[in-house]
Amino acid sequence: MIRDFLVWMAKFGKGPGEYDPSWSDLLASSLNFWGLLEGTHVLSLMLFAGTIFIVDARLLGLVFKKTPVSVVSDRILPLTVFGMIIMVATGAALVFAKPLLYYHNVWFRLKVVFLIAAFINIVVMHYRLQWNMAEWDALPKPPAKIQISAFISVACWILVITFGRFIAYDWYNCGKPLPAWANAIEECKTSADGALDLKGNPL
């Protein structure tokens, strides 16, 4: 179902002619705009994750120990929200430009997994763990459960950034000789490039 939607997305706006580009094709082939879009996505991710790292470092008791957590969070939150809005918008545009390439990319799939994990952790932190924040707000080190959540946040965002960077490399692209697990995870059999085993035989 997801792939069917992405196939439709890749063809959206395509003219009646065989070689007429779709809107997805036009965006992906726009060299200057594509570079601007990709650069903006990276910068907004740096802003979003960077501000989260500062708050997490405070929750871990590593920085600003004399400053209440609420003060650090309130000062940084507007920048975090701004970075998130730009990050999500540019990320969605990047996926729109090459939907099937990302769908069949193991690094993108891993990025999405840890992105979801990071946002779940944020929701748990704000709605389950911070209910008694007034009791530990000014402590140099918050309770252990808060520190664990902060550590999970840092780990998830580091992995999101790492796997996002790996997307640029074609180590595991479909159509290349790959181990069985890579072909299975990326669903290479349904890709335009097909699936090959390590000996180069089609699967």
Protein backbone atom coordinates (compact mmCIF):
# COMPACT_ATOMS: atom_id res chain seq x y z
CA MET A 1 0.00 0.00 0.00
CA ILE A 2 2.79 2.43 0.91
CA ARG A 3 4.71 1.64 -2.27
CA ASP A 4 1.56 2.07 -4.40
CA PHE A 5 1.09 5.53 -2.92
CA LEU A 6 4.73 6.41 -3.63
CA VAL A 7 4.41 5.19 -7.23
CA TRP A 8 1.41 7.50 -7.63
CA MET A 9 3.41 10.31 -6.01
CA ALA A 10 6.31 9.76 -8.42
CA LYS A 11 3.91 10.10 -11.40
CA PHE A 12 1.87 13.01 -10.00
CA GLY A 13 1.59 15.90 -12.45
CA LYS A 14 3.02 13.91 -15.37
CA GLY A 15 1.85 15.04 -18.81
CA PRO A 16 0.27 12.81 -21.47
CA GLY A 17 3.54 12.34 -23.38
CA GLU A 18 5.83 9.39 -22.71
CA TYR A 19 8.75 11.67 -21.83
CA ASP A 20 6.78 14.37 -20.04
CA PRO A 21 8.26 14.79 -16.54
CA SER A 22 6.18 14.53 -13.39
CA TRP A 23 6.39 17.15 -10.66
CA SER A 24 8.60 14.74 -8.76
CA ASP A 25 10.98 14.52 -11.75
CA LEU A 26 11.07 18.29 -12.12
CA LEU A 27 11.99 18.78 -8.47
CA ALA A 28 14.67 16.08 -8.52
CA SER A 29 16.24 17.45 -11.74
CA SER A 30 16.30 21.07 -10.54
CA LEU A 31 19.98 21.29 -9.63
CA ASN A 32 20.01 24.65 -7.88
CA PHE A 33 16.70 24.28 -6.07
CA TRP A 34 17.49 20.69 -5.08
CA GLY A 35 20.80 21.79 -3.56
CA LEU A 36 19.08 24.62 -1.70
CA LEU A 37 16.38 22.25 -0.46
CA GLU A 38 18.87 19.63 0.72
CA GLY A 39 21.09 22.24 2.38
CA THR A 40 18.13 23.81 4.17
CA HIS A 41 17.05 20.38 5.41
CA VAL A 42 20.50 19.70 6.87
CA LEU A 43 20.70 23.13 8.52
CA SER A 44 17.22 22.86 10.01
CA LEU A 45 18.06 19.39 11.32
CA MET A 46 21.19 20.83 12.94
CA LEU A 47 19.10 23.55 14.58
CA PHE A 48 16.41 21.12 15.74
CA ALA A 49 18.72 18.39 17.01
CA GLY A 50 21.26 20.88 18.37
CA THR A 51 18.72 22.61 20.58
CA ILE A 52 17.38 19.25 21.74
CA PHE A 53 20.93 18.17 22.63
CA ILE A 54 21.28 21.25 24.86
CA VAL A 55 18.10 20.41 26.76
CA ASP A 56 19.10 16.75 26.99
CA ALA A 57 22.52 17.72 28.30
CA ARG A 58 20.80 19.73 31.04
CA LEU A 59 18.53 16.77 31.83
CA LEU A 60 21.62 14.57 32.11
CA GLY A 61 23.15 17.05 34.54
CA LEU A 62 26.07 17.90 32.27
CA VAL A 63 25.51 21.63 31.68
CA PHE A 64 23.72 24.61 33.26
CA LYS A 65 23.36 22.70 36.54
CA LYS A 66 22.34 25.84 38.45
CA THR A 67 19.67 26.79 35.92
CA PRO A 68 16.21 25.20 36.27
CA VAL A 69 15.32 22.80 33.48
CA SER A 70 12.17 24.78 32.72
CA VAL A 71 14.19 27.95 32.10
CA VAL A 72 16.56 26.20 29.67
CA SER A 73 13.65 24.50 27.90
CA ASP A 74 11.53 27.66 27.62
CA ARG A 75 14.40 29.66 26.16
CA ILE A 76 15.30 27.03 23.57
CA LEU A 77 11.85 25.62 22.66
CA PRO A 78 10.97 28.33 20.08
CA LEU A 79 14.15 27.52 18.13
CA THR A 80 13.39 23.79 18.38
CA VAL A 81 9.87 24.26 17.01
CA PHE A 82 11.12 26.51 14.21
CA GLY A 83 13.80 23.99 13.25
CA MET A 84 11.28 21.14 13.33
CA ILE A 85 8.81 22.92 11.01
CA ILE A 86 11.50 23.63 8.42
CA MET A 87 13.01 20.15 8.82
CA VAL A 88 9.69 18.37 8.27
CA ALA A 89 8.74 20.58 5.30
CA THR A 90 12.06 20.18 3.49
CA GLY A 91 12.24 16.47 4.36
CA ALA A 92 8.80 15.88 2.87
CA ALA A 93 9.86 17.73 -0.30
CA LEU A 94 13.01 15.62 -0.61
CA VAL A 95 10.98 12.42 -0.31
CA PHE A 96 8.48 13.75 -2.87
CA ALA A 97 11.33 14.27 -5.35
CA LYS A 98 12.62 10.68 -5.11
CA PRO A 99 9.95 8.63 -3.33
CA LEU A 100 10.83 5.18 -4.68
CA LEU A 101 14.58 5.67 -4.28
CA TYR A 102 14.06 6.42 -0.58
CA TYR A 103 11.51 3.66 -0.15
CA HIS A 104 14.00 1.03 -1.32
CA ASN A 105 16.90 2.49 0.71
CA VAL A 106 17.88 0.67 3.91
CA TRP A 107 19.46 3.79 5.43
CA PHE A 108 16.29 5.82 4.90
CA ARG A 109 14.21 3.06 6.50
CA LEU A 110 16.52 2.98 9.53
CA LYS A 111 16.37 6.77 9.74
CA VAL A 112 12.57 6.66 9.80
CA VAL A 113 12.58 3.97 12.52
CA PHE A 114 14.74 6.04 14.86
CA LEU A 115 12.92 9.23 13.91
CA ILE A 116 9.69 7.63 15.09
CA ALA A 117 11.43 6.34 18.22
CA ALA A 118 12.75 9.84 18.97
CA PHE A 119 9.30 11.42 18.65
CA ILE A 120 7.72 8.71 20.80
CA ASN A 121 10.35 9.44 23.43
CA ILE A 122 9.49 13.15 23.26
CA VAL A 123 5.79 12.39 23.79
CA VAL A 124 6.55 10.05 26.72
CA MET A 125 8.84 12.64 28.26
CA HIS A 126 6.32 15.47 28.06
CA TYR A 127 3.15 13.57 28.96
CA ARG A 128 4.33 10.77 31.27
CA LEU A 129 7.63 11.71 32.90
CA GLN A 130 7.37 15.45 33.50
CA TRP A 131 4.18 15.43 35.55
CA ASN A 132 6.17 16.12 38.76
CA MET A 133 8.68 18.46 37.16
CA ALA A 134 8.30 21.05 39.93
CA GLU A 135 9.96 18.61 42.35
CA TRP A 136 13.19 18.25 40.37
CA ASP A 137 13.21 21.31 38.10
CA ALA A 138 16.03 23.04 39.97
CA LEU A 139 18.06 19.94 40.88
CA PRO A 140 21.55 19.66 39.32
CA LYS A 141 20.58 16.18 38.14
CA PRO A 142 16.94 15.17 37.50
CA PRO A 143 15.66 11.68 38.52
CA ALA A 144 17.08 8.60 36.79
CA LYS A 145 14.02 8.05 34.58
CA ILE A 146 14.39 11.57 33.18
CA GLN A 147 18.09 11.01 32.51
CA ILE A 148 17.33 7.72 30.76
CA SER A 149 14.82 9.47 28.50
CA ALA A 150 17.39 12.19 27.73
CA PHE A 151 20.00 9.55 26.87
CA ILE A 152 17.53 7.77 24.55
CA SER A 153 16.82 11.11 22.88
CA VAL A 154 20.51 11.81 22.25
CA ALA A 155 21.10 8.28 20.93
CA CYS A 156 18.08 8.40 18.60
CA TRP A 157 18.98 11.75 17.08
CA ILE A 158 22.61 10.74 16.56
CA LEU A 159 21.38 7.64 14.71
CA VAL A 160 18.87 9.68 12.68
CA ILE A 161 21.66 12.02 11.57
CA THR A 162 24.08 9.15 10.89
CA PHE A 163 21.65 7.09 8.80
CA GLY A 164 20.49 10.23 7.01
CA ARG A 165 24.09 10.87 5.98
CA PHE A 166 24.48 7.29 4.75
CA ILE A 167 21.57 7.73 2.32
CA ALA A 168 23.97 9.51 -0.02
CA TYR A 169 26.03 6.34 -0.47
CA ASP A 170 25.00 3.51 -2.79
CA TRP A 171 26.53 0.63 -0.82
CA TYR A 172 23.21 -1.21 -0.56
CA ASN A 173 21.23 0.12 -3.50
CA CYS A 174 18.88 -2.32 -5.21
CA GLY A 175 20.20 -3.68 -8.47
CA LYS A 176 23.64 -4.35 -6.98
CA PRO A 177 24.82 -7.74 -5.66
CA LEU A 178 23.48 -7.74 -2.10
CA PRO A 179 23.12 -10.20 0.78
CA ALA A 180 19.69 -11.75 1.19
CA TRP A 181 18.84 -9.65 4.23
CA ALA A 182 19.46 -6.39 2.34
CA ASN A 183 17.30 -7.47 -0.60
CA ALA A 184 14.54 -8.44 1.82
CA ILE A 185 14.64 -5.26 3.92
CA GLU A 186 14.71 -2.98 0.88
CA GLU A 187 12.10 -5.03 -1.01
CA CYS A 188 14.41 -4.96 -4.03
CA LYS A 189 12.27 -7.44 -5.98
CA THR A 190 9.61 -4.76 -6.35
CA SER A 191 12.08 -2.01 -7.29
CA ALA A 192 12.84 -0.87 -10.83
CA ASP A 193 16.44 -2.10 -10.46
CA GLY A 194 15.48 -5.57 -9.25
CA ALA A 195 17.23 -7.84 -6.78
CA LEU A 196 20.58 -9.59 -7.21
CA ASP A 197 22.25 -12.06 -4.89
CA LEU A 198 25.92 -11.76 -3.95
CA LYS A 199 26.91 -13.66 -7.10
CA GLY A 200 25.00 -11.23 -9.30
CA ASN A 201 22.17 -13.63 -10.07
CA PRO A 202 18.64 -12.13 -10.27
CA LEU A 203 16.26 -13.21 -7.53
